[in-house]
Amino acid sequence: MTKKNELHLHLVSDSTGETVHQYARAGLAQFPDTNITEHIWTLVRNKAHIDAIDRNLEKNPGIVLFSVVNEEVREMLEALCADKGIPSLSILDPVVDLFSNILGAQRTRRAGAQHKLDTAYFRRMAAVEYAVVHDDGLNIENLHDADMLLVGVSRTSKTPTSMYLGHRGFKVGNYALVPNVPFPIEKIPNKNIFIIGLTTDPKRLMQVRKTRLQHLSDSTNPNYADIDIITNEVREARKLFNKHNWPVIDVSRRSVEEIAASIIHLHRKWLDQKDNV
């Protein structure tokens, strides 16, 4: 390691590397002023892979975070880090040890076990496909089995949030409100569906739409990024949400993950209220 605000981070996995990468992202979010150089090592399963990591650590010493279940490969990596004085951490050990103690069962030590093609996996993929088929008001009359419907004006993160929720296993549709076009609530077959309104700050939305227009060759709608029209769109959307007593989330300066987390929380509360009726 060199300067205190600079760090070489080696992320080592014997599978896809998604778990260790997400773990690192969560931790690094607490240190926004640190300049991170990531070195990604996936499918690390033999000595040749460890030797490659060894050579890179010579040039770029730093920290090693790893998720490796194969004992032999793990021991080689731990020995390498100990020999070089490189700080290292097996990220899943604390939670796996806790589960093992509570459940009284041993870990399977199977690489990439969380990515297996089981029923839950196919359910998530079906939910993602559901979000695509019911994007932007498509097939709104076929939301018989939807878990939720997201409603908001254009560019309020409806589509990416729907896709993310799909990856979490929720069947989600979304509808983009258009000025002077009434929301077609009569077309929704499932009258007991959880509907949530997404709103945002008009000035921020104006900037998002201006950026959007710069990437479109056909800018046929001059009102798309007009602040007065946008302000009215947001106001009318709020009136719709209030009329139907839908919960509302302000997506301004929120990531898709944060928006989805709030939606899941509100959905759970909605389900609990239904169960208690």
Protein backbone atom coordinates (compact mmCIF):
# COMPACT_ATOMS: atom_id res chain seq x y z
CA MET A 1 0.00 0.00 0.00
CA THR A 2 1.20 3.50 -0.77
CA LYS A 3 -0.75 6.60 0.17
CA LYS A 4 -3.44 6.24 2.82
CA ASN A 5 -6.22 7.26 0.46
CA GLU A 6 -5.12 4.77 -2.21
CA LEU A 7 -5.68 1.03 -2.09
CA HIS A 8 -5.16 -1.98 -4.32
CA LEU A 9 -8.01 -4.38 -3.61
CA HIS A 10 -7.71 -7.97 -4.79
CA LEU A 11 -11.08 -9.76 -4.99
CA VAL A 12 -10.59 -13.50 -5.28
CA SER A 13 -13.31 -16.08 -5.92
CA ASP A 14 -13.52 -19.67 -7.07
CA SER A 15 -16.85 -18.83 -8.69
CA THR A 16 -18.29 -15.76 -10.43
CA GLY A 17 -16.91 -13.23 -7.94
CA GLU A 18 -20.28 -11.52 -7.51
CA THR A 19 -20.47 -12.20 -3.77
CA VAL A 20 -17.05 -10.85 -2.87
CA HIS A 21 -17.54 -7.85 -5.16
CA GLN A 22 -20.85 -6.89 -3.53
CA TYR A 23 -19.32 -7.35 -0.09
CA ALA A 24 -16.43 -5.05 -1.02
CA ARG A 25 -18.76 -2.43 -2.48
CA ALA A 26 -20.79 -2.32 0.73
CA GLY A 27 -17.67 -1.77 2.83
CA LEU A 28 -16.06 0.76 0.50
CA ALA A 29 -19.21 2.87 0.48
CA GLN A 30 -18.12 4.04 3.94
CA PHE A 31 -14.85 5.42 2.51
CA PRO A 32 -15.87 7.59 -0.47
CA ASP A 33 -12.60 9.54 -0.57
CA THR A 34 -10.43 6.45 -1.07
CA ASN A 35 -9.02 5.78 -4.52
CA ILE A 36 -9.56 2.06 -5.12
CA THR A 37 -7.90 -0.04 -7.80
CA GLU A 38 -9.69 -3.37 -8.08
CA HIS A 39 -8.03 -6.56 -9.24
CA ILE A 40 -10.71 -9.14 -10.03
CA TRP A 41 -9.83 -12.83 -9.85
CA THR A 42 -12.66 -15.23 -10.71
CA LEU A 43 -12.81 -19.02 -11.11
CA VAL A 44 -9.61 -19.40 -9.08
CA ARG A 45 -9.32 -23.16 -8.74
CA ASN A 46 -5.70 -24.30 -9.08
CA LYS A 47 -2.07 -23.43 -8.33
CA ALA A 48 -1.57 -21.69 -11.68
CA HIS A 49 -4.26 -19.20 -10.71
CA ILE A 50 -2.65 -18.63 -7.31
CA ASP A 51 0.73 -18.09 -9.00
CA ALA A 52 -0.83 -15.39 -11.20
CA ILE A 53 -2.22 -13.67 -8.11
CA ASP A 54 1.22 -13.95 -6.51
CA ARG A 55 2.87 -12.12 -9.40
CA ASN A 56 0.26 -9.38 -9.32
CA LEU A 57 0.62 -8.92 -5.56
CA GLU A 58 4.33 -8.32 -6.09
CA LYS A 59 3.48 -5.35 -8.28
CA ASN A 60 0.36 -4.21 -6.47
CA PRO A 61 0.35 -5.08 -2.77
CA GLY A 62 -2.83 -4.21 -0.95
CA ILE A 63 -5.71 -6.19 0.59
CA VAL A 64 -7.11 -9.58 -0.43
CA LEU A 65 -10.78 -10.36 0.08
CA PHE A 66 -11.72 -13.86 -0.94
CA SER A 67 -14.57 -16.32 -1.21
CA VAL A 68 -12.95 -19.70 -1.82
CA VAL A 69 -14.43 -22.98 -0.56
CA ASN A 70 -11.88 -25.43 -1.95
CA GLU A 71 -9.59 -26.21 0.99
CA GLU A 72 -6.43 -26.74 -1.05
CA VAL A 73 -6.80 -23.53 -3.05
CA ARG A 74 -7.78 -21.61 0.05
CA GLU A 75 -4.73 -22.82 1.97
CA MET A 76 -2.44 -21.80 -0.90
CA LEU A 77 -3.99 -18.32 -0.98
CA GLU A 78 -3.79 -17.89 2.80
CA ALA A 79 -0.16 -19.06 2.81
CA LEU A 80 0.66 -16.63 0.00
CA CYS A 81 -0.86 -13.70 1.88
CA ALA A 82 0.83 -14.67 5.15
CA ASP A 83 4.21 -15.00 3.43
CA LYS A 84 3.92 -11.57 1.83
CA GLY A 85 2.36 -9.89 4.86
CA ILE A 86 -0.77 -9.09 2.86
CA PRO A 87 -3.95 -8.49 4.93
CA SER A 88 -6.63 -10.96 3.85
CA LEU A 89 -10.16 -11.93 4.82
CA SER A 90 -12.45 -14.80 3.93
CA ILE A 91 -15.70 -12.84 3.72
CA LEU A 92 -18.21 -15.66 4.21
CA ASP A 93 -16.59 -17.37 7.20
CA PRO A 94 -18.45 -15.47 9.96
CA VAL A 95 -21.93 -16.06 8.53
CA VAL A 96 -21.23 -19.65 7.43
CA ASP A 97 -19.79 -20.49 10.88
CA LEU A 98 -22.85 -18.96 12.52
CA PHE A 99 -25.21 -21.02 10.37
CA SER A 100 -23.15 -24.14 11.01
CA ASN A 101 -23.29 -23.63 14.78
CA ILE A 102 -27.01 -22.90 14.88
CA LEU A 103 -28.06 -25.58 12.40
CA GLY A 104 -25.61 -28.19 13.62
CA ALA A 105 -24.64 -28.96 10.03
CA GLN A 106 -21.44 -28.77 8.04
CA ARG A 107 -20.96 -26.53 5.00
CA THR A 108 -21.07 -28.24 1.60
CA ARG A 109 -17.84 -26.61 0.36
CA ARG A 110 -19.24 -26.38 -3.14
CA ALA A 111 -18.01 -23.45 -5.24
CA GLY A 112 -20.76 -21.15 -6.51
CA ALA A 113 -23.47 -22.96 -4.56
CA GLN A 114 -25.60 -19.81 -4.48
CA HIS A 115 -25.72 -19.78 -8.30
CA LYS A 116 -27.14 -23.28 -8.75
CA LEU A 117 -29.98 -23.78 -11.24
CA ASP A 118 -32.68 -24.54 -8.69
CA THR A 119 -36.36 -23.63 -8.47
CA ALA A 120 -35.58 -20.26 -6.91
CA TYR A 121 -33.24 -19.41 -9.79
CA PHE A 122 -35.82 -20.14 -12.45
CA ARG A 123 -38.44 -18.21 -10.45
CA ARG A 124 -36.17 -15.16 -10.48
CA MET A 125 -35.57 -15.46 -14.21
CA ALA A 126 -39.33 -15.74 -14.78
CA ALA A 127 -39.81 -12.59 -12.69
CA VAL A 128 -37.24 -10.71 -14.78
CA GLU A 129 -39.04 -11.78 -17.96
CA TYR A 130 -42.30 -10.65 -16.36
CA ALA A 131 -40.82 -7.17 -15.83
CA VAL A 132 -39.82 -6.99 -19.50
CA VAL A 133 -43.24 -8.11 -20.75
CA HIS A 134 -45.03 -5.61 -18.48
CA ASP A 135 -42.68 -2.66 -18.94
CA ASP A 136 -43.95 0.89 -19.51
CA GLY A 137 -47.64 -0.02 -19.48
CA LEU A 138 -47.37 -3.05 -21.75
CA ASN A 139 -49.98 -5.75 -21.10
CA ILE A 140 -51.39 -3.85 -18.15
CA GLU A 141 -54.62 -5.80 -18.59
CA ASN A 142 -52.70 -9.03 -17.88
CA LEU A 143 -51.38 -8.21 -14.41
CA HIS A 144 -53.37 -11.05 -12.85
CA ASP A 145 -50.48 -12.47 -10.83
CA ALA A 146 -48.29 -9.38 -10.38
CA ASP A 147 -46.80 -8.68 -6.96
CA MET A 148 -46.75 -4.94 -7.58
CA LEU A 149 -47.14 -2.14 -10.09
CA LEU A 150 -44.86 0.93 -10.19
CA VAL A 151 -46.42 4.16 -11.47
CA GLY A 152 -44.68 7.44 -12.24
CA VAL A 153 -43.89 10.05 -14.86
CA SER A 154 -41.18 9.40 -17.42
CA ARG A 155 -37.61 8.93 -16.11
CA THR A 156 -38.42 8.09 -12.49
CA SER A 157 -36.41 4.82 -12.53
CA LYS A 158 -39.43 2.59 -13.07
CA THR A 159 -37.84 0.17 -15.55
CA PRO A 160 -34.48 -0.42 -13.81
CA THR A 161 -36.24 -0.76 -10.47
CA SER A 162 -38.68 -3.28 -11.95
CA MET A 163 -35.78 -5.30 -13.36
CA TYR A 164 -33.93 -5.22 -10.05
CA LEU A 165 -37.04 -6.33 -8.17
CA GLY A 166 -37.40 -9.09 -10.76
CA HIS A 167 -33.94 -10.34 -9.85
CA ARG A 168 -35.17 -10.41 -6.26
CA GLY A 169 -38.05 -12.66 -7.34
CA PHE A 170 -40.92 -10.16 -7.49
CA LYS A 171 -43.27 -10.02 -10.47
CA VAL A 172 -43.46 -6.32 -11.27
CA GLY A 173 -45.15 -4.20 -13.91
CA ASN A 174 -44.66 -0.47 -14.40
CA TYR A 175 -46.66 2.30 -16.02
CA ALA A 176 -45.41 5.67 -17.34
CA LEU A 177 -47.85 8.52 -16.77
CA VAL A 178 -48.40 10.69 -19.84
CA PRO A 179 -49.75 14.27 -19.62
CA ASN A 180 -53.50 14.50 -20.33
CA VAL A 181 -53.84 10.71 -20.53
CA PRO A 182 -55.86 9.26 -17.62
CA PHE A 183 -54.36 6.34 -15.73
CA PRO A 184 -56.25 3.23 -16.99
CA ILE A 185 -57.10 1.79 -13.60
CA GLU A 186 -60.13 0.03 -15.08
CA LYS A 187 -57.78 -2.15 -17.17
CA ILE A 188 -56.00 -3.62 -14.16
CA PRO A 189 -57.55 -7.08 -13.61
CA ASN A 190 -56.14 -7.56 -10.11
CA LYS A 191 -57.88 -4.90 -8.01
CA ASN A 192 -55.94 -6.01 -4.95
CA ILE A 193 -52.50 -5.40 -6.47
CA PHE A 194 -49.91 -3.38 -4.53
CA ILE A 195 -49.44 -0.12 -6.45
CA ILE A 196 -46.74 2.38 -5.53
CA GLY A 197 -46.11 5.87 -6.91
CA LEU A 198 -42.62 7.07 -7.80
CA THR A 199 -41.95 10.79 -7.76
CA THR A 200 -38.91 13.05 -7.96
CA ASP A 201 -37.72 16.64 -7.77
CA PRO A 202 -38.82 18.50 -10.95
CA LYS A 203 -35.49 20.30 -11.39
CA ARG A 204 -33.55 17.09 -11.11
CA LEU A 205 -35.96 15.39 -13.49
CA MET A 206 -35.43 18.22 -15.97
CA GLN A 207 -31.67 17.55 -15.96
CA VAL A 208 -32.23 13.81 -16.42
CA ARG A 209 -34.54 14.42 -19.37
CA LYS A 210 -32.18 16.93 -20.95
CA THR A 211 -29.42 14.34 -20.80
CA ARG A 212 -31.81 11.81 -22.30
CA LEU A 213 -32.64 14.14 -25.20
CA GLN A 214 -28.94 14.62 -25.96
CA HIS A 215 -28.69 10.89 -26.66
CA LEU A 216 -31.76 10.79 -28.87
CA SER A 217 -31.42 11.64 -32.55
CA ASP A 218 -35.15 12.33 -32.79
CA SER A 219 -36.11 15.06 -30.31
CA THR A 220 -39.68 15.52 -31.50
CA ASN A 221 -41.12 16.49 -28.10
CA PRO A 222 -39.93 20.01 -27.20
CA ASN A 223 -41.92 19.91 -23.94
CA TYR A 224 -40.17 16.79 -22.60
CA ALA A 225 -37.58 18.77 -20.63
CA ASP A 226 -39.60 21.96 -20.02
CA ILE A 227 -39.46 22.73 -16.29
CA ASP A 228 -42.98 24.16 -16.09
CA ILE A 229 -44.50 21.17 -17.83
CA ILE A 230 -42.43 18.76 -15.75
CA THR A 231 -43.53 20.50 -12.53
CA ASN A 232 -47.15 20.09 -13.61
CA GLU A 233 -46.57 16.43 -14.50
CA VAL A 234 -45.14 15.72 -11.06
CA ARG A 235 -47.99 17.64 -9.38
CA GLU A 236 -50.67 15.74 -11.32
CA ALA A 237 -48.97 12.44 -10.53
CA ARG A 238 -49.06 13.31 -6.84
CA LYS A 239 -52.78 14.03 -7.10
CA LEU A 240 -53.30 10.59 -8.66
CA PHE A 241 -51.31 8.87 -5.91
CA ASN A 242 -53.22 10.72 -3.20
CA LYS A 243 -56.58 10.00 -4.83
CA HIS A 244 -55.98 6.25 -4.65
CA ASN A 245 -54.06 6.39 -1.38
CA TRP A 246 -51.01 4.74 -2.94
CA PRO A 247 -47.70 4.90 -1.02
CA VAL A 248 -45.15 7.21 -2.61
CA ILE A 249 -41.36 7.06 -2.85
CA ASP A 250 -39.24 10.05 -3.86
CA VAL A 251 -36.50 8.63 -6.08
CA SER A 252 -34.43 11.84 -6.15
CA ARG A 253 -30.76 11.00 -5.51
CA ARG A 254 -31.58 7.41 -4.68
CA SER A 255 -29.96 4.39 -6.27
CA VAL A 256 -32.08 1.63 -7.78
CA GLU A 257 -31.07 -0.62 -4.88
CA GLU A 258 -32.29 1.95 -2.35
CA ILE A 259 -35.57 2.47 -4.20
CA ALA A 260 -36.15 -1.28 -4.39
CA ALA A 261 -35.36 -1.73 -0.70
CA SER A 262 -37.97 0.89 0.21
CA ILE A 263 -40.53 -0.74 -2.07
CA ILE A 264 -39.92 -4.19 -0.57
CA HIS A 265 -40.32 -2.71 2.92
CA LEU A 266 -43.64 -1.04 2.02
CA HIS A 267 -44.83 -4.19 0.23
CA ARG A 268 -44.13 -6.26 3.33
CA LYS A 269 -46.11 -3.80 5.49
CA TRP A 270 -48.97 -3.97 2.96
CA LEU A 271 -49.00 -7.78 3.10
CA ASP A 272 -48.95 -7.73 6.91
CA GLN A 273 -51.93 -5.37 6.97
CA LYS A 274 -53.82 -7.69 4.59
CA ASP A 275 -53.08 -10.67 6.82
CA ASN A 276 -54.39 -8.86 9.86
CA VAL A 277 -57.67 -7.85 8.25
